[in-house]
N, C-alpha and C. Protein backbone atom coordinates (compact mmCIF):
# COMPACT_ATOMS: atom_id res chain seq x y z
N UNK A 1 0.96 -1.19 0.11
CA UNK A 1 -0.04 0.07 -0.10
C UNK A 1 0.86 1.37 -0.08
N UNK A 2 0.73 2.15 -0.86
CA UNK A 2 1.62 3.41 -1.05
C UNK A 2 0.74 4.40 -0.42
N UNK A 3 1.26 5.16 0.51
CA UNK A 3 0.56 6.28 1.19
C UNK A 3 1.37 7.48 0.73
N UNK A 4 0.89 8.27 -0.26
CA UNK A 4 1.37 9.38 -0.81
C UNK A 4 0.82 10.74 -0.85
N UNK A 5 -0.28 10.79 -0.13
CA UNK A 5 -1.00 12.19 0.16
C UNK A 5 -0.26 12.93 1.02
N UNK A 6 -0.12 14.19 0.62
CA UNK A 6 0.73 15.31 1.50
C UNK A 6 0.48 16.53 1.02
N UNK A 7 0.62 17.57 1.74
CA UNK A 7 0.63 19.04 1.50
C UNK A 7 1.78 19.68 2.09
N UNK A 8 2.33 20.79 1.55
CA UNK A 8 3.36 21.57 2.21
C UNK A 8 2.67 22.78 2.75
N UNK A 9 3.29 23.88 2.69
CA UNK A 9 2.90 24.98 3.23
C UNK A 9 3.10 25.49 4.61
N UNK A 10 2.40 26.33 5.29
CA UNK A 10 2.56 26.58 6.67
C UNK A 10 3.50 27.76 6.71
N UNK A 11 4.36 27.75 7.49
CA UNK A 11 5.29 29.05 7.76
C UNK A 11 6.14 28.54 8.93
N UNK A 12 7.05 29.51 9.24
CA UNK A 12 8.04 29.37 10.42
C UNK A 12 7.32 29.41 11.75
N UNK A 13 7.75 28.80 12.88
CA UNK A 13 7.19 28.96 14.17
C UNK A 13 7.01 30.71 14.43
N UNK A 14 6.00 30.99 15.00
CA UNK A 14 5.68 32.26 15.42
C UNK A 14 4.82 32.91 14.18
N UNK A 15 4.75 32.40 13.01
CA UNK A 15 3.88 32.93 11.97
C UNK A 15 2.91 31.94 11.40
N UNK A 16 2.92 30.71 11.96
CA UNK A 16 2.24 29.65 11.43
C UNK A 16 0.88 29.53 12.42
N UNK A 17 -0.10 29.45 11.75
CA UNK A 17 -1.46 29.20 12.74
C UNK A 17 -1.63 27.78 13.22
N UNK A 18 -2.24 27.68 14.27
CA UNK A 18 -2.57 26.42 14.80
C UNK A 18 -3.33 25.57 13.76
N UNK A 19 -4.23 26.36 12.93
CA UNK A 19 -4.97 25.55 12.01
C UNK A 19 -4.12 25.08 10.82
N UNK A 20 -3.13 26.00 10.44
CA UNK A 20 -2.17 25.37 9.34
C UNK A 20 -1.52 24.15 9.88
N UNK A 21 -1.02 24.33 11.10
CA UNK A 21 -0.31 23.09 11.57
C UNK A 21 -1.20 21.96 11.77
N UNK A 22 -2.44 22.10 12.41
CA UNK A 22 -3.31 20.91 12.34
C UNK A 22 -3.65 20.37 10.88
N UNK A 23 -3.75 21.17 10.02
CA UNK A 23 -4.12 20.56 8.62
C UNK A 23 -2.89 19.80 7.99
N UNK A 24 -1.70 20.26 8.35
CA UNK A 24 -0.59 19.58 7.93
C UNK A 24 -0.44 18.22 8.52
N UNK A 25 -0.73 18.18 9.88
CA UNK A 25 -0.58 16.82 10.48
C UNK A 25 -1.70 16.05 10.26
N UNK A 26 -2.92 16.40 9.89
CA UNK A 26 -3.88 15.86 9.47
C UNK A 26 -3.67 15.04 8.11
N UNK A 27 -3.35 15.89 7.25
CA UNK A 27 -3.07 15.22 5.84
C UNK A 27 -1.71 14.47 5.80
N UNK A 28 -0.65 14.86 6.31
CA UNK A 28 0.55 14.22 6.17
C UNK A 28 0.87 12.96 7.26
N UNK A 29 0.15 13.04 8.23
CA UNK A 29 0.31 12.08 9.24
C UNK A 29 -0.83 11.35 9.60
N UNK A 30 -1.99 12.09 10.06
CA UNK A 30 -3.20 11.24 10.48
C UNK A 30 -3.73 10.26 9.36
N UNK A 31 -3.85 10.86 8.05
CA UNK A 31 -4.41 10.13 6.85
C UNK A 31 -3.61 8.81 6.69
N UNK A 32 -2.19 8.85 6.84
CA UNK A 32 -1.38 7.74 6.74
C UNK A 32 -1.66 6.63 7.66
N UNK A 33 -1.90 7.25 9.04
CA UNK A 33 -2.24 6.20 10.19
C UNK A 33 -3.53 5.71 10.00
N UNK A 34 -4.49 6.37 9.69
CA UNK A 34 -5.99 5.91 9.46
C UNK A 34 -5.92 4.87 8.41
N UNK A 35 -5.16 5.05 7.36
CA UNK A 35 -5.07 3.97 6.21
C UNK A 35 -4.45 2.86 6.80
N UNK A 36 -3.39 2.92 7.61
CA UNK A 36 -2.64 1.64 7.96
C UNK A 36 -3.62 1.00 8.97
N UNK A 37 -4.46 1.79 9.85
CA UNK A 37 -5.30 1.12 10.71
C UNK A 37 -6.34 0.18 9.95
N UNK A 38 -6.80 0.74 8.81
CA UNK A 38 -7.85 -0.01 8.09
C UNK A 38 -7.23 -1.11 7.27
N UNK A 39 -6.05 -0.99 6.83
CA UNK A 39 -5.40 -2.00 6.02
C UNK A 39 -4.82 -3.10 6.82
N UNK A 40 -4.31 -2.88 7.91
CA UNK A 40 -3.50 -3.96 8.72
C UNK A 40 -4.36 -5.17 9.08
N UNK A 41 -5.63 -5.12 9.41
CA UNK A 41 -6.16 -6.43 9.71
C UNK A 41 -6.05 -7.34 8.49
N UNK A 42 -6.40 -6.88 7.33
CA UNK A 42 -6.46 -7.74 6.01
C UNK A 42 -5.04 -8.50 5.96
N UNK A 43 -3.93 -7.45 6.06
CA UNK A 43 -2.67 -7.84 5.97
C UNK A 43 -2.20 -8.84 6.95
N UNK A 44 -2.51 -8.68 8.17
CA UNK A 44 -2.40 -9.59 9.18
C UNK A 44 -2.97 -11.01 8.97
N UNK A 45 -4.16 -10.98 8.34
CA UNK A 45 -4.89 -12.18 8.04
C UNK A 45 -4.19 -13.03 6.98
N UNK A 46 -3.73 -12.13 5.87
CA UNK A 46 -2.90 -12.82 4.86
C UNK A 46 -1.47 -13.28 5.18
N UNK A 47 -1.05 -12.77 6.35
CA UNK A 47 0.32 -12.90 6.70
C UNK A 47 1.41 -12.24 5.89
N UNK A 48 1.02 -11.10 5.29
CA UNK A 48 2.02 -10.49 4.43
C UNK A 48 1.34 -9.05 4.17
N UNK A 49 2.14 -8.18 3.80
CA UNK A 49 1.66 -6.79 3.28
C UNK A 49 2.95 -5.91 3.29
N UNK A 50 2.72 -4.88 2.77
CA UNK A 50 3.92 -3.59 2.76
C UNK A 50 3.16 -2.36 2.64
N UNK A 51 3.78 -1.35 3.47
CA UNK A 51 3.30 0.05 3.54
C UNK A 51 4.55 0.68 2.93
N UNK A 52 4.27 1.59 2.18
CA UNK A 52 5.35 2.43 1.56
C UNK A 52 4.94 3.98 1.66
N UNK A 53 5.53 4.57 2.60
CA UNK A 53 5.20 5.94 2.85
C UNK A 53 6.04 6.94 1.94
N UNK A 54 5.46 8.00 1.41
CA UNK A 54 6.43 8.91 0.55
C UNK A 54 6.53 10.04 1.56
N UNK A 55 7.84 10.38 1.95
CA UNK A 55 8.24 11.30 2.73
C UNK A 55 9.09 12.36 2.26
N UNK A 56 9.73 12.87 3.09
CA UNK A 56 10.62 14.29 2.51
C UNK A 56 11.95 14.34 3.45
N UNK A 57 13.00 14.81 2.86
CA UNK A 57 14.24 15.18 3.63
C UNK A 57 13.89 16.19 4.58
N UNK A 58 12.84 16.87 4.55
CA UNK A 58 12.25 17.92 5.55
C UNK A 58 12.07 17.23 6.88
N UNK A 59 11.87 15.87 6.82
CA UNK A 59 11.53 15.23 8.05
C UNK A 59 12.87 14.89 8.80
N UNK A 60 13.88 15.27 8.30
CA UNK A 60 15.32 14.90 8.91
C UNK A 60 15.94 16.27 9.19
N UNK A 61 15.65 17.31 8.39
CA UNK A 61 16.38 18.55 8.71
C UNK A 61 15.44 19.79 8.28
N UNK A 62 15.84 20.90 8.79
CA UNK A 62 14.99 21.93 8.73
C UNK A 62 15.50 22.99 7.80
N UNK A 63 14.68 23.69 7.09
CA UNK A 63 14.93 25.03 6.25
C UNK A 63 14.54 26.28 6.99
N UNK A 64 13.85 26.11 8.09
CA UNK A 64 13.60 27.16 9.07
C UNK A 64 12.19 27.95 8.41
N UNK A 65 11.65 27.32 7.49
CA UNK A 65 10.57 28.18 6.87
C UNK A 65 9.12 27.29 6.97
N UNK A 66 9.17 25.97 7.16
CA UNK A 66 7.91 25.24 7.19
C UNK A 66 7.94 24.19 8.49
N UNK A 67 7.41 24.95 9.60
CA UNK A 67 7.34 24.02 10.76
C UNK A 67 6.51 22.89 10.67
N UNK A 68 5.24 23.05 10.29
CA UNK A 68 4.27 22.07 10.24
C UNK A 68 4.54 20.84 9.24
N UNK A 69 5.13 21.19 8.07
CA UNK A 69 5.60 20.31 6.97
C UNK A 69 6.73 19.48 7.65
N UNK A 70 7.83 20.02 8.17
CA UNK A 70 8.85 19.42 8.79
C UNK A 70 8.40 18.47 9.84
N UNK A 71 7.73 18.96 10.83
CA UNK A 71 7.23 18.13 11.77
C UNK A 71 6.32 16.96 11.41
N UNK A 72 5.41 17.22 10.51
CA UNK A 72 4.65 16.05 9.90
C UNK A 72 5.40 14.90 9.37
N UNK A 73 6.53 15.50 8.53
CA UNK A 73 7.40 14.45 7.86
C UNK A 73 8.20 13.66 8.66
N UNK A 74 8.52 14.23 9.88
CA UNK A 74 9.41 13.51 10.80
C UNK A 74 8.33 12.42 11.62
N UNK A 75 7.22 12.82 11.83
CA UNK A 75 6.25 12.02 12.54
C UNK A 75 5.92 10.72 11.49
N UNK A 76 5.81 11.11 10.19
CA UNK A 76 5.44 10.04 9.27
C UNK A 76 6.76 9.05 9.36
N UNK A 77 7.83 9.39 9.52
CA UNK A 77 9.10 8.54 9.62
C UNK A 77 8.87 7.51 10.76
N UNK A 78 8.59 8.06 11.97
CA UNK A 78 8.21 7.36 13.24
C UNK A 78 6.98 6.36 12.82
N UNK A 79 5.93 6.82 12.18
CA UNK A 79 4.98 6.04 12.10
C UNK A 79 5.33 4.65 11.16
N UNK A 80 6.25 4.92 10.29
CA UNK A 80 6.58 3.68 9.38
C UNK A 80 7.53 2.78 10.23
N UNK A 81 8.39 3.34 11.04
CA UNK A 81 9.11 2.54 11.94
C UNK A 81 8.37 1.75 12.91
N UNK A 82 7.26 2.46 13.47
CA UNK A 82 6.52 1.85 14.50
C UNK A 82 5.74 0.52 13.85
N UNK A 83 5.12 0.72 12.60
CA UNK A 83 4.53 -0.39 11.99
C UNK A 83 5.52 -1.55 11.71
N UNK A 84 6.69 -1.17 11.31
CA UNK A 84 7.62 -2.13 10.94
C UNK A 84 8.04 -3.05 12.29
N UNK A 85 8.29 -2.28 13.38
CA UNK A 85 8.58 -3.08 14.52
C UNK A 85 7.23 -3.88 15.14
N UNK A 86 6.34 -3.23 15.04
CA UNK A 86 5.00 -3.86 15.66
C UNK A 86 4.49 -5.07 14.85
N UNK A 87 4.61 -4.88 13.54
CA UNK A 87 4.02 -5.93 12.68
C UNK A 87 4.99 -6.79 11.76
N UNK A 88 6.28 -6.56 11.86
CA UNK A 88 7.12 -7.21 11.10
C UNK A 88 7.20 -8.77 11.35
N UNK A 89 6.99 -9.15 12.50
CA UNK A 89 6.92 -10.68 12.80
C UNK A 89 5.59 -11.23 12.28
N UNK A 90 4.69 -10.46 11.65
CA UNK A 90 3.56 -11.01 11.05
C UNK A 90 3.59 -10.77 9.45
N UNK A 91 4.83 -10.56 9.05
CA UNK A 91 5.04 -10.47 7.54
C UNK A 91 4.79 -9.19 6.87
N UNK A 92 4.62 -8.26 7.77
CA UNK A 92 4.15 -6.90 7.32
C UNK A 92 5.35 -5.94 7.38
N UNK A 93 5.54 -5.19 6.18
CA UNK A 93 6.83 -4.41 6.10
C UNK A 93 6.45 -3.00 5.96
N UNK A 94 7.09 -2.00 6.37
CA UNK A 94 6.73 -0.45 6.40
C UNK A 94 8.11 0.22 6.14
N UNK A 95 8.17 0.94 5.08
CA UNK A 95 9.30 1.74 4.65
C UNK A 95 8.89 3.06 4.25
N UNK A 96 9.77 4.08 4.17
CA UNK A 96 9.65 5.27 3.55
C UNK A 96 10.64 5.64 2.53
N UNK A 97 10.10 6.23 1.49
CA UNK A 97 10.86 6.85 0.30
C UNK A 97 11.10 8.22 0.74
N UNK A 98 12.14 8.80 1.15
CA UNK A 98 12.48 10.02 1.48
C UNK A 98 13.01 10.87 0.18
N UNK A 99 12.08 11.77 -0.16
CA UNK A 99 12.45 12.54 -1.37
C UNK A 99 13.01 13.79 -1.06
N UNK A 100 13.99 14.22 -2.03
CA UNK A 100 14.59 15.53 -1.81
C UNK A 100 13.91 16.47 -2.89
N UNK A 101 14.79 17.16 -3.73
CA UNK A 101 14.14 18.10 -4.64
C UNK A 101 13.66 17.31 -5.89
N UNK A 102 12.34 17.11 -5.88
CA UNK A 102 11.72 16.47 -7.00
C UNK A 102 10.87 17.52 -7.87
N UNK A 103 10.99 17.46 -9.12
CA UNK A 103 10.27 18.36 -9.91
C UNK A 103 8.90 18.09 -10.03
N UNK A 104 8.06 18.25 -9.09
CA UNK A 104 6.90 17.89 -8.94
C UNK A 104 5.82 19.21 -8.98
N UNK A 105 4.52 18.90 -9.14
CA UNK A 105 3.39 19.95 -9.15
C UNK A 105 3.46 20.67 -7.70
N UNK A 106 3.69 19.85 -6.56
CA UNK A 106 3.82 20.43 -5.28
C UNK A 106 4.98 21.26 -5.16
N UNK A 107 6.22 20.93 -5.63
CA UNK A 107 7.38 21.71 -5.49
C UNK A 107 7.25 23.08 -6.39
N UNK A 108 6.57 22.95 -7.54
CA UNK A 108 6.42 24.11 -8.43
C UNK A 108 5.39 25.06 -7.65
N UNK A 109 4.44 24.50 -6.99
CA UNK A 109 3.49 25.35 -6.39
C UNK A 109 4.07 25.89 -5.00
N UNK A 110 4.98 25.20 -4.26
CA UNK A 110 5.47 25.71 -3.06
C UNK A 110 6.64 26.78 -3.36
N UNK A 111 7.51 26.40 -4.34
CA UNK A 111 8.82 27.19 -4.57
C UNK A 111 8.82 27.93 -5.86
N UNK A 112 7.75 28.05 -6.73
CA UNK A 112 7.68 28.68 -7.82
C UNK A 112 8.36 28.20 -8.98
N UNK A 113 8.20 28.84 -10.16
CA UNK A 113 8.65 28.28 -11.47
C UNK A 113 9.72 29.18 -12.13
N UNK A 114 9.97 30.34 -11.61
CA UNK A 114 11.02 31.10 -12.21
C UNK A 114 12.27 30.63 -12.45
N UNK A 115 12.88 31.09 -13.61
CA UNK A 115 14.24 30.49 -13.96
C UNK A 115 15.21 30.61 -12.78
N UNK A 116 15.39 31.74 -12.03
CA UNK A 116 16.44 31.91 -11.08
C UNK A 116 16.12 30.91 -9.85
N UNK A 117 15.02 30.78 -9.56
CA UNK A 117 14.77 29.93 -8.39
C UNK A 117 14.95 28.37 -8.84
N UNK A 118 14.51 27.99 -10.00
CA UNK A 118 14.78 26.68 -10.38
C UNK A 118 16.19 26.46 -10.70
N UNK A 119 16.95 27.17 -11.15
CA UNK A 119 18.32 27.12 -11.30
C UNK A 119 19.21 26.99 -10.14
N UNK A 120 18.86 27.81 -9.24
CA UNK A 120 19.49 27.66 -7.82
C UNK A 120 19.27 26.42 -7.05
N UNK A 121 17.95 25.90 -7.14
CA UNK A 121 17.54 24.77 -6.42
C UNK A 121 18.12 23.61 -7.24
N UNK A 122 18.28 23.47 -8.62
CA UNK A 122 18.92 22.52 -9.30
C UNK A 122 20.33 22.33 -8.85
N UNK A 123 21.06 23.41 -8.37
CA UNK A 123 22.43 23.23 -8.13
C UNK A 123 22.78 22.72 -6.65
N UNK A 124 21.70 22.59 -5.91
CA UNK A 124 21.85 22.02 -4.59
C UNK A 124 22.28 20.50 -4.48
N UNK A 125 21.59 19.58 -5.04
CA UNK A 125 21.92 18.22 -5.04
C UNK A 125 23.33 18.10 -5.55
N UNK A 126 24.05 17.05 -5.16
CA UNK A 126 25.39 16.59 -5.74
C UNK A 126 25.24 16.35 -7.32
N UNK A 127 24.01 15.78 -7.64
CA UNK A 127 23.72 15.53 -9.14
C UNK A 127 23.56 16.67 -9.98
N UNK A 128 23.35 17.88 -9.24
CA UNK A 128 23.07 19.27 -9.82
C UNK A 128 21.76 19.14 -10.66
N UNK A 129 20.84 18.62 -10.28
CA UNK A 129 19.57 18.87 -11.02
C UNK A 129 18.58 18.25 -10.05
N UNK A 130 17.28 18.55 -10.29
CA UNK A 130 16.13 17.96 -9.46
C UNK A 130 15.84 16.62 -10.08
N UNK A 131 15.32 15.76 -9.27
CA UNK A 131 14.85 14.44 -9.59
C UNK A 131 13.52 14.51 -10.39
N UNK A 132 13.30 13.43 -11.16
CA UNK A 132 12.04 13.55 -11.86
C UNK A 132 10.85 12.85 -11.08
N UNK A 133 9.73 12.87 -11.23
CA UNK A 133 8.69 11.99 -10.66
C UNK A 133 8.86 10.45 -10.88
N UNK A 134 9.27 10.19 -12.21
CA UNK A 134 9.64 8.87 -12.55
C UNK A 134 10.50 8.21 -11.79
N UNK A 135 11.74 9.04 -11.26
CA UNK A 135 12.90 8.41 -10.55
C UNK A 135 12.28 8.18 -9.10
N UNK A 136 11.59 9.07 -8.64
CA UNK A 136 10.73 8.82 -7.52
C UNK A 136 10.04 7.47 -7.44
N UNK A 137 9.22 7.31 -8.50
CA UNK A 137 8.37 6.26 -8.71
C UNK A 137 9.23 4.90 -8.72
N UNK A 138 10.44 5.06 -9.25
CA UNK A 138 11.33 3.66 -9.43
C UNK A 138 11.52 3.22 -7.95
N UNK A 139 11.91 4.33 -6.98
CA UNK A 139 12.21 3.84 -5.72
C UNK A 139 11.06 3.27 -4.91
N UNK A 140 9.89 3.90 -5.14
CA UNK A 140 8.64 3.21 -4.47
C UNK A 140 8.37 1.91 -5.06
N UNK A 141 8.52 1.72 -6.41
CA UNK A 141 8.31 0.40 -6.83
C UNK A 141 9.27 -0.61 -6.32
N UNK A 142 10.27 -0.28 -6.19
CA UNK A 142 11.39 -1.20 -5.62
C UNK A 142 10.92 -1.66 -4.21
N UNK A 143 10.69 -0.61 -3.38
CA UNK A 143 10.45 -0.90 -1.96
C UNK A 143 9.05 -1.57 -1.78
N UNK A 144 8.23 -1.53 -2.72
CA UNK A 144 6.92 -2.30 -2.70
C UNK A 144 7.11 -3.70 -3.32
N UNK A 145 8.19 -4.07 -3.99
CA UNK A 145 8.26 -5.31 -4.72
C UNK A 145 8.87 -6.41 -3.70
N UNK A 146 8.76 -7.56 -4.34
CA UNK A 146 9.31 -8.74 -3.59
C UNK A 146 10.95 -8.62 -3.50
N UNK A 147 11.37 -7.87 -4.35
CA UNK A 147 13.07 -7.67 -4.26
C UNK A 147 13.32 -6.96 -3.10
N UNK A 148 12.37 -6.36 -2.41
CA UNK A 148 12.76 -5.72 -1.06
C UNK A 148 12.13 -6.38 0.14
N UNK A 149 11.83 -7.80 0.01
CA UNK A 149 11.27 -8.60 0.92
C UNK A 149 11.93 -8.57 2.22
N UNK A 150 13.25 -8.24 2.34
CA UNK A 150 13.93 -8.24 3.58
C UNK A 150 14.19 -6.82 4.06
N UNK A 151 13.55 -5.77 3.50
CA UNK A 151 13.78 -4.57 3.90
C UNK A 151 12.49 -3.87 4.63
N UNK A 152 12.74 -3.48 5.83
CA UNK A 152 11.59 -2.93 6.45
C UNK A 152 12.12 -2.10 7.62
N UNK A 153 11.39 -1.03 7.90
CA UNK A 153 11.73 0.01 9.01
C UNK A 153 12.70 0.97 8.60
N UNK A 154 13.01 1.16 7.28
CA UNK A 154 14.12 2.10 6.98
C UNK A 154 13.64 3.11 5.89
N UNK A 155 14.45 3.87 5.61
CA UNK A 155 14.31 5.15 4.81
C UNK A 155 15.06 4.97 3.46
N UNK A 156 14.66 5.02 2.40
CA UNK A 156 15.39 5.12 1.14
C UNK A 156 15.51 6.49 0.67
N UNK A 157 16.61 7.19 0.76
CA UNK A 157 16.69 8.54 0.39
C UNK A 157 16.97 8.66 -0.99
N UNK A 158 16.06 9.38 -1.69
CA UNK A 158 16.16 9.72 -3.17
C UNK A 158 16.21 11.20 -3.23
N UNK A 159 17.41 11.70 -3.18
CA UNK A 159 17.67 13.09 -3.22
C UNK A 159 18.68 13.79 -4.08
N UNK A 160 19.26 12.80 -4.93
CA UNK A 160 20.40 13.22 -5.87
C UNK A 160 21.61 13.62 -5.15
N UNK A 161 21.76 13.45 -3.85
CA UNK A 161 23.02 13.74 -3.10
C UNK A 161 22.85 15.01 -2.25
N UNK A 162 21.59 15.50 -2.25
CA UNK A 162 21.32 16.73 -1.49
C UNK A 162 21.67 16.71 -0.11
N UNK A 163 21.58 15.59 0.56
CA UNK A 163 21.72 15.56 2.12
C UNK A 163 23.26 15.02 2.41
N UNK A 164 23.88 14.58 1.29
CA UNK A 164 25.34 14.34 1.56
C UNK A 164 26.25 15.46 1.54
N UNK A 165 25.71 16.67 0.93
CA UNK A 165 26.50 17.71 0.67
C UNK A 165 26.61 18.81 1.77
N UNK A 166 27.51 19.23 2.05
CA UNK A 166 27.66 20.34 3.02
C UNK A 166 27.43 21.61 2.30
N UNK A 167 26.72 22.51 2.93
CA UNK A 167 26.47 23.73 2.22
C UNK A 167 27.84 24.50 1.88
N UNK A 168 28.77 24.35 2.72
CA UNK A 168 29.99 24.94 2.54
C UNK A 168 30.65 24.58 1.02
N UNK A 169 30.31 23.35 0.55
CA UNK A 169 30.93 22.99 -0.70
C UNK A 169 30.32 23.95 -1.87
N UNK A 170 29.38 24.62 -1.57
CA UNK A 170 28.65 25.41 -2.72
C UNK A 170 29.46 26.91 -2.72
N UNK A 171 30.22 27.28 -1.72
CA UNK A 171 30.68 28.48 -1.55
C UNK A 171 32.20 28.66 -1.37
N UNK A 172 33.03 27.92 -1.96
CA UNK A 172 34.45 27.96 -1.73
C UNK A 172 35.15 28.58 -2.88
N UNK A 173 34.66 29.82 -3.16
CA UNK A 173 35.31 30.63 -4.05
C UNK A 173 35.52 30.00 -5.50
N UNK A 174 36.74 30.01 -6.02
CA UNK A 174 36.78 29.48 -7.42
C UNK A 174 36.85 27.94 -7.36
N UNK A 175 36.96 27.35 -6.07
CA UNK A 175 36.85 25.90 -6.01
C UNK A 175 35.32 25.32 -5.76
N UNK A 176 34.33 26.37 -5.68
CA UNK A 176 32.99 26.08 -5.42
C UNK A 176 32.43 25.14 -6.49
N UNK A 177 31.54 24.19 -6.07
CA UNK A 177 30.91 23.46 -7.08
C UNK A 177 29.70 24.02 -7.77
N UNK A 178 29.24 25.32 -7.31
CA UNK A 178 28.23 26.14 -7.91
C UNK A 178 28.42 27.50 -7.62
N UNK A 179 28.01 28.39 -8.37
CA UNK A 179 28.09 29.82 -8.22
C UNK A 179 26.96 30.12 -7.21
N UNK A 180 27.28 31.17 -6.36
CA UNK A 180 26.27 31.49 -5.22
C UNK A 180 25.16 32.25 -6.08
N UNK A 181 24.05 32.47 -5.38
CA UNK A 181 22.91 33.15 -6.10
C UNK A 181 23.27 34.60 -6.30
N UNK A 182 23.00 35.02 -7.56
CA UNK A 182 23.34 36.46 -8.04
C UNK A 182 24.77 36.56 -8.18
N UNK A 183 25.60 35.50 -8.27
CA UNK A 183 27.11 35.62 -8.59
C UNK A 183 27.47 34.70 -9.52
């Protein structure tokens, strides 16, 4: 079962409303939990099943702009691990594909589509580009397949090397791997 519903938005602490926070938690966490609650009895009865949650690198680190999104994505990771531990002995797996910068409708809506923003964002991952929805789907398909039968409670990071790079590597003068914004 692939759990892929999600919303971004919100804002930083101090500027985000309780309603915005609750909405992100409802959509990004509660909906996945309720889905799992409904699906687990059938999986337990069959003695097998797999949950695949689509998460974000925002669940592991913060950009300082999206409190509810970051918090909800961290909670989603915990939900997957909980299911893996609680139901693994019954043949049920739970994993998360943790996405970085993917050229999706949600990212276009949240970050915009102007050339400067897109160019700067593409320079952030080590592969120097945003990932495609098809690349994200390939990771989901792998974890949902029998080839991943011994994989549970883990996160498969699909971010083009975004989280392996120190921000310092972008700004080392002529040795920098990318030019700074506006420069």
